[in-house]
Amino acid sequence: MPVFSTFAIYFIIWWLTLFIVLPLGLRTQAEENEVVPGSAESAPARFRALRVFAMTSVLAAIIHLAWYVVSVKLGYGLDSIPQFAPKFY
């Protein structure tokens, strides 16, 4: 598999994983009783970008490694899914 394709798949997995990791450990301004005027109460009190990006990268690497082993090394792909619908041709 070309390197660019592998990187592109990792990036897609990383981007989807980011939305899973973002709410983990989040403390809102309302929970901290420090609401900044003009912002929503549900806004994060302290956004820890480095922690979120590190957790996302590690989790995405694990998921990508699992995908790589199953699809490339073991040879399973979309063609491995049995087709139960009748073919009308």
C-alpha atoms as a PDB file:
ATOM      1  CA  MET A   1       0.000   0.000   0.000  1.00  0.00           C
ATOM      2  CA  PRO A   2       1.425   3.423  -0.888  1.00  0.00           C
ATOM      3  CA  VAL A   3       2.650   5.606   1.961  1.00  0.00           C
ATOM      4  CA  PHE A   4       0.319   8.471   1.063  1.00  0.00           C
ATOM      5  CA  SER A   5      -2.746   6.210   1.228  1.00  0.00           C
ATOM      6  CA  THR A   6      -1.685   4.890   4.616  1.00  0.00           C
ATOM      7  CA  PHE A   7      -1.187   8.440   5.894  1.00  0.00           C
ATOM      8  CA  ALA A   8      -4.558   9.526   4.474  1.00  0.00           C
ATOM      9  CA  ILE A   9      -6.341   6.678   6.260  1.00  0.00           C
ATOM     10  CA  TYR A  10      -4.508   7.526   9.497  1.00  0.00           C
ATOM     11  CA  PHE A  11      -5.585  11.165   9.156  1.00  0.00           C
ATOM     12  CA  ILE A  12      -9.234  10.170   8.675  1.00  0.00           C
ATOM     13  CA  ILE A  13      -9.052   7.903  11.736  1.00  0.00           C
ATOM     14  CA  TRP A  14      -7.299  10.684  13.703  1.00  0.00           C
ATOM     15  CA  TRP A  15      -9.953  13.237  12.774  1.00  0.00           C
ATOM     16  CA  LEU A  16     -12.817  10.927  13.792  1.00  0.00           C
ATOM     17  CA  THR A  17     -11.020   9.995  17.011  1.00  0.00           C
ATOM     18  CA  LEU A  18     -10.596  13.687  17.867  1.00  0.00           C
ATOM     19  CA  PHE A  19     -14.362  14.043  18.248  1.00  0.00           C
ATOM     20  CA  ILE A  20     -14.393  11.044  20.591  1.00  0.00           C
ATOM     21  CA  VAL A  21     -11.581  12.416  22.763  1.00  0.00           C
ATOM     22  CA  LEU A  22     -12.673  16.087  22.926  1.00  0.00           C
ATOM     23  CA  PRO A  23     -15.322  15.703  25.672  1.00  0.00           C
ATOM     24  CA  LEU A  24     -13.193  13.393  27.860  1.00  0.00           C
ATOM     25  CA  GLY A  25     -12.198  15.121  31.102  1.00  0.00           C
ATOM     26  CA  LEU A  26     -13.836  18.391  30.073  1.00  0.00           C
ATOM     27  CA  ARG A  27     -14.799  20.801  32.831  1.00  0.00           C
ATOM     28  CA  THR A  28     -17.182  23.550  31.754  1.00  0.00           C
ATOM     29  CA  GLN A  29     -17.132  27.135  32.971  1.00  0.00           C
ATOM     30  CA  ALA A  30     -20.433  26.516  34.761  1.00  0.00           C
ATOM     31  CA  GLU A  31     -18.924  23.574  36.687  1.00  0.00           C
ATOM     32  CA  GLU A  32     -15.936  25.709  37.698  1.00  0.00           C
ATOM     33  CA  ASN A  33     -18.190  28.705  38.592  1.00  0.00           C
ATOM     34  CA  GLU A  34     -16.000  30.955  36.440  1.00  0.00           C
ATOM     35  CA  VAL A  35     -18.233  31.997  33.553  1.00  0.00           C
ATOM     36  CA  VAL A  36     -16.541  34.604  31.372  1.00  0.00           C
ATOM     37  CA  PRO A  37     -19.004  37.327  30.323  1.00  0.00           C
ATOM     38  CA  GLY A  38     -19.979  36.917  26.673  1.00  0.00           C
ATOM     39  CA  SER A  39     -19.237  33.190  26.500  1.00  0.00           C
ATOM     40  CA  ALA A  40     -21.465  30.172  26.864  1.00  0.00           C
ATOM     41  CA  GLU A  41     -21.641  28.404  30.221  1.00  0.00           C
ATOM     42  CA  SER A  42     -20.850  25.145  28.455  1.00  0.00           C
ATOM     43  CA  ALA A  43     -17.520  26.461  27.132  1.00  0.00           C
ATOM     44  CA  PRO A  44     -14.442  24.703  28.531  1.00  0.00           C
ATOM     45  CA  ALA A  45     -12.899  26.327  31.570  1.00  0.00           C
ATOM     46  CA  ARG A  46      -9.391  25.277  30.488  1.00  0.00           C
ATOM     47  CA  PHE A  47      -8.838  23.726  27.084  1.00  0.00           C
ATOM     48  CA  ARG A  48      -5.864  21.385  27.237  1.00  0.00           C
ATOM     49  CA  ALA A  49      -4.991  21.137  23.567  1.00  0.00           C
ATOM     50  CA  LEU A  50      -1.720  19.246  24.024  1.00  0.00           C
ATOM     51  CA  ARG A  51      -3.391  16.571  26.158  1.00  0.00           C
ATOM     52  CA  VAL A  52      -6.292  16.204  23.706  1.00  0.00           C
ATOM     53  CA  PHE A  53      -3.996  15.952  20.670  1.00  0.00           C
ATOM     54  CA  ALA A  54      -1.696  13.479  22.414  1.00  0.00           C
ATOM     55  CA  MET A  55      -4.602  11.247  23.473  1.00  0.00           C
ATOM     56  CA  THR A  56      -6.084  11.478  19.973  1.00  0.00           C
ATOM     57  CA  SER A  57      -2.789  10.544  18.328  1.00  0.00           C
ATOM     58  CA  VAL A  58      -2.221   7.535  20.581  1.00  0.00           C
ATOM     59  CA  LEU A  59      -5.778   6.227  20.223  1.00  0.00           C
ATOM     60  CA  ALA A  60      -5.761   6.810  16.451  1.00  0.00           C
ATOM     61  CA  ALA A  61      -2.432   4.975  16.161  1.00  0.00           C
ATOM     62  CA  ILE A  62      -3.879   1.959  17.978  1.00  0.00           C
ATOM     63  CA  ILE A  63      -6.988   1.945  15.769  1.00  0.00           C
ATOM     64  CA  HIS A  64      -4.863   2.416  12.636  1.00  0.00           C
ATOM     65  CA  LEU A  65      -2.581  -0.444  13.636  1.00  0.00           C
ATOM     66  CA  ALA A  66      -5.607  -2.711  14.146  1.00  0.00           C
ATOM     67  CA  TRP A  67      -6.981  -1.680  10.741  1.00  0.00           C
ATOM     68  CA  TYR A  68      -3.608  -2.285   9.100  1.00  0.00           C
ATOM     69  CA  VAL A  69      -3.246  -5.764  10.594  1.00  0.00           C
ATOM     70  CA  VAL A  70      -6.769  -6.832   9.654  1.00  0.00           C
ATOM     71  CA  SER A  71      -6.855  -5.383   6.150  1.00  0.00           C
ATOM     72  CA  VAL A  72      -3.274  -5.601   4.888  1.00  0.00           C
ATOM     73  CA  LYS A  73      -1.656  -8.432   6.819  1.00  0.00           C
ATOM     74  CA  LEU A  74      -4.682 -10.738   7.169  1.00  0.00           C
ATOM     75  CA  GLY A  75      -6.238  -9.756   3.837  1.00  0.00           C
ATOM     76  CA  TYR A  76      -9.757  -8.958   5.006  1.00  0.00           C
ATOM     77  CA  GLY A  77     -11.552  -6.151   3.222  1.00  0.00           C
ATOM     78  CA  LEU A  78     -14.896  -5.141   1.823  1.00  0.00           C
ATOM     79  CA  ASP A  79     -14.819  -8.135  -0.507  1.00  0.00           C
ATOM     80  CA  SER A  80     -14.760 -10.436   2.527  1.00  0.00           C
ATOM     81  CA  ILE A  81     -18.272  -9.402   3.596  1.00  0.00           C
ATOM     82  CA  PRO A  82     -20.798 -12.003   2.420  1.00  0.00           C
ATOM     83  CA  GLN A  83     -23.502 -10.763   0.121  1.00  0.00           C
ATOM     84  CA  PHE A  84     -26.954 -11.883   1.206  1.00  0.00           C
ATOM     85  CA  ALA A  85     -28.964  -9.816  -1.257  1.00  0.00           C
ATOM     86  CA  PRO A  86     -29.867 -11.500  -4.532  1.00  0.00           C
ATOM     87  CA  LYS A  87     -28.142 -10.256  -7.654  1.00  0.00           C
ATOM     88  CA  PHE A  88     -30.566  -8.858 -10.222  1.00  0.00           C
ATOM     89  CA  TYR A  89     -28.610  -8.974 -13.450  1.00  0.00           C
END
